[in-house]
C-alpha atoms as a PDB file:
ATOM      1  CA  MET A   1      26.275   2.745   1.586  1.00  0.00           C
ATOM      2  CA  ASN A   2      25.557   4.387   5.533  1.00  0.00           C
ATOM      3  CA  VAL A   3      24.256   6.790   6.722  1.00  0.00           C
ATOM      4  CA  THR A   4      26.824   9.695   6.432  1.00  0.00           C
ATOM      5  CA  GLU A   5      27.050   9.078   2.621  1.00  0.00           C
ATOM      6  CA  MET A   6      23.429   9.139   2.935  1.00  0.00           C
ATOM      7  CA  TYR A   7      22.880  12.283   3.500  1.00  0.00           C
ATOM      8  CA  GLU A   8      25.835  13.489   1.856  1.00  0.00           C
ATOM      9  CA  ARG A   9      23.868  12.291  -1.410  1.00  0.00           C
ATOM     10  CA  VAL A  10      20.886  13.768  -0.359  1.00  0.00           C
ATOM     11  CA  LYS A  11      22.838  17.242   0.158  1.00  0.00           C
ATOM     12  CA  SER A  12      23.955  17.108  -3.282  1.00  0.00           C
ATOM     13  CA  VAL A  13      20.721  16.067  -4.936  1.00  0.00           C
ATOM     14  CA  TYR A  14      19.244  18.898  -3.009  1.00  0.00           C
ATOM     15  CA  ALA A  15      21.920  21.345  -4.268  1.00  0.00           C
ATOM     16  CA  GLU A  16      21.600  20.243  -7.700  1.00  0.00           C
ATOM     17  CA  ASN A  17      17.830  20.370  -8.236  1.00  0.00           C
ATOM     18  CA  GLU A  18      16.859  23.583  -6.035  1.00  0.00           C
ATOM     19  CA  GLY A  19      17.030  25.857  -9.068  1.00  0.00           C
ATOM     20  CA  LYS A  20      14.322  23.545 -10.885  1.00  0.00           C
ATOM     21  CA  TYR A  21      11.194  22.708  -8.101  1.00  0.00           C
ATOM     22  CA  ARG A  22      10.167  25.144  -5.101  1.00  0.00           C
ATOM     23  CA  TYR A  23       9.662  22.363  -2.743  1.00  0.00           C
ATOM     24  CA  ILE A  24      12.122  19.055  -2.236  1.00  0.00           C
ATOM     25  CA  GLY A  25      11.555  16.663   0.402  1.00  0.00           C
ATOM     26  CA  LEU A  26      12.691  13.351   1.429  1.00  0.00           C
ATOM     27  CA  ARG A  27      10.202  10.597   1.629  1.00  0.00           C
ATOM     28  CA  PHE A  28      10.422   7.132   3.227  1.00  0.00           C
ATOM     29  CA  GLU A  29       8.656   4.356   2.348  1.00  0.00           C
ATOM     30  CA  ASP A  30       8.296   0.362   1.429  1.00  0.00           C
ATOM     31  CA  ARG A  31       7.029   1.354  -1.772  1.00  0.00           C
ATOM     32  CA  GLU A  32       9.283   0.663  -4.688  1.00  0.00           C
ATOM     33  CA  ARG A  33       9.065   4.232  -6.898  1.00  0.00           C
ATOM     34  CA  VAL A  34      11.116   4.965 -10.305  1.00  0.00           C
ATOM     35  CA  ILE A  35      12.531   8.727 -11.072  1.00  0.00           C
ATOM     36  CA  GLY A  36      10.170  10.540 -12.689  1.00  0.00           C
ATOM     37  CA  GLU A  37       6.985   8.732 -11.532  1.00  0.00           C
ATOM     38  CA  GLU A  38       4.487  10.954  -9.850  1.00  0.00           C
ATOM     39  CA  CYS A  39       3.736  10.418  -5.819  1.00  0.00           C
ATOM     40  CA  GLU A  40       0.262  10.059  -4.755  1.00  0.00           C
ATOM     41  CA  TRP A  41      -1.041  12.124  -2.565  1.00  0.00           C
ATOM     42  CA  SER A  42      -0.301  10.996   1.573  1.00  0.00           C
ATOM     43  CA  LYS A  43      -3.106  10.003   3.739  1.00  0.00           C
ATOM     44  CA  HIS A  44      -3.341  11.259   6.749  1.00  0.00           C
ATOM     45  CA  ASN A  45      -3.459   8.958  10.733  1.00  0.00           C
ATOM     46  CA  PRO A  46      -4.746  12.180  13.129  1.00  0.00           C
ATOM     47  CA  GLU A  47      -5.558   9.366  16.014  1.00  0.00           C
ATOM     48  CA  ARG A  48      -2.014   7.475  16.092  1.00  0.00           C
ATOM     49  CA  GLU A  49      -0.064   8.433  19.518  1.00  0.00           C
ATOM     50  CA  ASP A  50       3.823   7.429  17.233  1.00  0.00           C
ATOM     51  CA  GLU A  51       4.065   9.500  13.743  1.00  0.00           C
ATOM     52  CA  ARG A  52       5.567   5.618  12.825  1.00  0.00           C
ATOM     53  CA  GLU A  53       2.527   4.630  13.417  1.00  0.00           C
ATOM     54  CA  PHE A  54      -0.014   4.206  10.105  1.00  0.00           C
ATOM     55  CA  PRO A  55      -1.581   1.290   8.631  1.00  0.00           C
ATOM     56  CA  GLU A  56      -0.106  -0.700   5.551  1.00  0.00           C
ATOM     57  CA  PHE A  57      -0.082   0.697   2.394  1.00  0.00           C
ATOM     58  CA  GLY A  58      -3.321  -1.224   0.189  1.00  0.00           C
ATOM     59  CA  THR A  59      -5.521  -2.254   3.313  1.00  0.00           C
ATOM     60  CA  GLU A  60      -8.743  -1.238   4.073  1.00  0.00           C
ATOM     61  CA  GLU A  61      -7.671   0.357   6.880  1.00  0.00           C
ATOM     62  CA  TYR A  62      -4.924   2.563   5.210  1.00  0.00           C
ATOM     63  CA  ASP A  63      -7.698   2.851   2.241  1.00  0.00           C
ATOM     64  CA  GLU A  64      -9.935   4.787   5.004  1.00  0.00           C
ATOM     65  CA  LEU A  65      -7.733   7.069   5.595  1.00  0.00           C
ATOM     66  CA  PRO A  66      -8.614  10.430   4.471  1.00  0.00           C
ATOM     67  CA  GLU A  67      -6.340  11.848   1.915  1.00  0.00           C
ATOM     68  CA  LEU A  68      -3.956  14.917   2.392  1.00  0.00           C
ATOM     69  CA  ASP A  69      -3.734  17.908   0.056  1.00  0.00           C
ATOM     70  CA  GLY A  70      -0.091  16.716  -1.374  1.00  0.00           C
ATOM     71  CA  THR A  71       2.650  13.848  -1.112  1.00  0.00           C
ATOM     72  CA  SER A  72       4.144  14.339   2.680  1.00  0.00           C
ATOM     73  CA  ALA A  73       7.834  14.475   3.099  1.00  0.00           C
ATOM     74  CA  TRP A  74      10.715  15.527   5.254  1.00  0.00           C
ATOM     75  CA  ASP A  75      11.038  19.631   3.910  1.00  0.00           C
ATOM     76  CA  MET A  76      14.687  19.733   2.743  1.00  0.00           C
ATOM     77  CA  SER A  77      14.649  23.897   2.666  1.00  0.00           C
ATOM     78  CA  PRO A  78      16.309  23.486   6.113  1.00  0.00           C
ATOM     79  CA  TYR A  79      19.767  23.118   4.279  1.00  0.00           C
ATOM     80  CA  GLU A  80      19.662  26.467   3.316  1.00  0.00           C
ATOM     81  CA  TYR A  81      21.096  27.366   6.416  1.00  0.00           C
ATOM     82  CA  ASN A  82      22.033  24.734   8.755  1.00  0.00           C
ATOM     83  CA  ASP A  83      24.573  21.972   7.586  1.00  0.00           C
ATOM     84  CA  GLU A  84      23.955  20.239  10.617  1.00  0.00           C
ATOM     85  CA  PHE A  85      20.091  18.995   9.645  1.00  0.00           C
ATOM     86  CA  TYR A  86      19.257  15.688   8.669  1.00  0.00           C
ATOM     87  CA  PRO A  87      15.440  15.034   7.459  1.00  0.00           C
ATOM     88  CA  GLY A  88      14.326  12.329   9.011  1.00  0.00           C
ATOM     89  CA  TRP A  89      17.166  11.989  11.299  1.00  0.00           C
ATOM     90  CA  GLY A  90      17.229  15.373  13.313  1.00  0.00           C
ATOM     91  CA  SER A  91      19.517  17.499  14.508  1.00  0.00           C
ATOM     92  CA  GLY A  92      23.117  16.529  15.211  1.00  0.00           C
ATOM     93  CA  ARG A  93      25.408  14.480  13.187  1.00  0.00           C
ATOM     94  CA  PRO A  94      25.372  10.745  12.860  1.00  0.00           C
ATOM     95  CA  SER A  95      27.603   9.108  15.241  1.00  0.00           C
ATOM     96  CA  GLU A  96      30.079   6.383  14.341  1.00  0.00           C
ATOM     97  CA  SER A  97      28.373   3.550  15.618  1.00  0.00           C
ATOM     98  CA  ASP A  98      25.028   4.511  13.337  1.00  0.00           C
ATOM     99  CA  ASN A  99      26.968   4.100  10.283  1.00  0.00           C
ATOM    100  CA  LYS A 100      27.278   0.655  10.797  1.00  0.00           C
ATOM    101  CA  TYR A 101      23.435  -0.362  10.888  1.00  0.00           C
ATOM    102  CA  SER A 102      21.335  -1.015   7.599  1.00  0.00           C
ATOM    103  CA  LEU A 103      19.796   2.341   6.087  1.00  0.00           C
ATOM    104  CA  VAL A 104      16.637   0.320   6.008  1.00  0.00           C
ATOM    105  CA  GLY A 105      17.013  -0.766  10.534  1.00  0.00           C
ATOM    106  CA  LEU A 106      17.493   2.646  10.932  1.00  0.00           C
ATOM    107  CA  PHE A 107      14.722   4.053   8.992  1.00  0.00           C
ATOM    108  CA  ASN A 108      11.726   1.778   8.843  1.00  0.00           C
ATOM    109  CA  SER A 109      11.219   1.916   5.557  1.00  0.00           C
ATOM    110  CA  TYR A 110      13.232   0.411   2.738  1.00  0.00           C
ATOM    111  CA  HIS A 111      13.158   2.690   0.395  1.00  0.00           C
ATOM    112  CA  CYS A 112      14.578   6.459   0.856  1.00  0.00           C
ATOM    113  CA  TYR A 113      13.650   9.091  -2.277  1.00  0.00           C
ATOM    114  CA  VAL A 114      13.968  12.298  -3.027  1.00  0.00           C
ATOM    115  CA  ILE A 115      10.695  14.090  -4.052  1.00  0.00           C
ATOM    116  CA  ALA A 116      10.214  17.976  -5.716  1.00  0.00           C
ATOM    117  CA  GLY A 117       7.408  20.024  -6.715  1.00  0.00           C
ATOM    118  CA  THR A 118       6.201  23.360  -7.569  1.00  0.00           C
ATOM    119  CA  ARG A 119       3.021  23.633  -5.662  1.00  0.00           C
ATOM    120  CA  VAL A 120       3.231  23.292  -1.358  1.00  0.00           C
ATOM    121  CA  GLY A 121       0.250  21.387   0.195  1.00  0.00           C
ATOM    122  CA  HIS A 122      -1.722  22.854   3.197  1.00  0.00           C
ATOM    123  CA  HIS A 123      -2.142  20.203   6.600  1.00  0.00           C
ATOM    124  CA  ASP A 124      -3.593  21.744   9.282  1.00  0.00           C
ATOM    125  CA  ASN A 125      -1.127  19.620  11.999  1.00  0.00           C
ATOM    126  CA  PRO A 126       1.904  18.368  10.103  1.00  0.00           C
ATOM    127  CA  ASP A 127       4.497  16.887  11.908  1.00  0.00           C
ATOM    128  CA  PRO A 128       7.660  19.066  13.108  1.00  0.00           C
ATOM    129  CA  GLY A 129       9.721  18.505   9.335  1.00  0.00           C
ATOM    130  CA  GLU A 130       6.964  17.708   7.414  1.00  0.00           C
ATOM    131  CA  ILE A 131       5.775  19.198   3.936  1.00  0.00           C
ATOM    132  CA  LEU A 132       3.260  18.691   1.806  1.00  0.00           C
ATOM    133  CA  ILE A 133       4.524  18.892  -1.574  1.00  0.00           C
ATOM    134  CA  LYS A 134       1.470  18.726  -4.622  1.00  0.00           C
ATOM    135  CA  ASP A 135       1.773  16.939  -7.818  1.00  0.00           C
ATOM    136  CA  ALA A 136       5.254  15.196  -6.599  1.00  0.00           C
ATOM    137  CA  VAL A 137       8.114  13.637  -8.842  1.00  0.00           C
ATOM    138  CA  VAL A 138      10.795  11.387  -7.220  1.00  0.00           C
ATOM    139  CA  ILE A 139      13.862  12.915  -8.850  1.00  0.00           C
ATOM    140  CA  ALA A 140      16.603  10.538  -6.558  1.00  0.00           C
ATOM    141  CA  LYS A 141      16.416   7.067  -4.889  1.00  0.00           C
ATOM    142  CA  ILE A 142      18.760   7.441  -2.231  1.00  0.00           C
ATOM    143  CA  PHE A 143      18.023   3.495  -1.234  1.00  0.00           C
END
């Protein structure tokens, strides 16, 4: 699967589930999950300079971070009004050269999931495009 095919799959999952869940997000992480699994609430690292900078899951440094009010994900609701929106990628279509690389190499994560829920969390300083979903469940594994 290349990046363009990945986003076509993501859009399909969103369309199939937008009537079942109020909030749907795309989550990249290294942890292996299964469909139906409930996600724990995310940690917050407000002191980081780069949004990708984060301590490794399960370490003491990670465990000491404050907990957010839900599971962090890229908000997928812009798909309702913008076919050129790619959560975790940005705006603009992936180029042909982007489609030649491993998805893991492009996204710096081993896995990508679509998560969903009926309640949204609150975040005082979210990253652009970030949503917190309370009691989020995995509804699809993309890679």
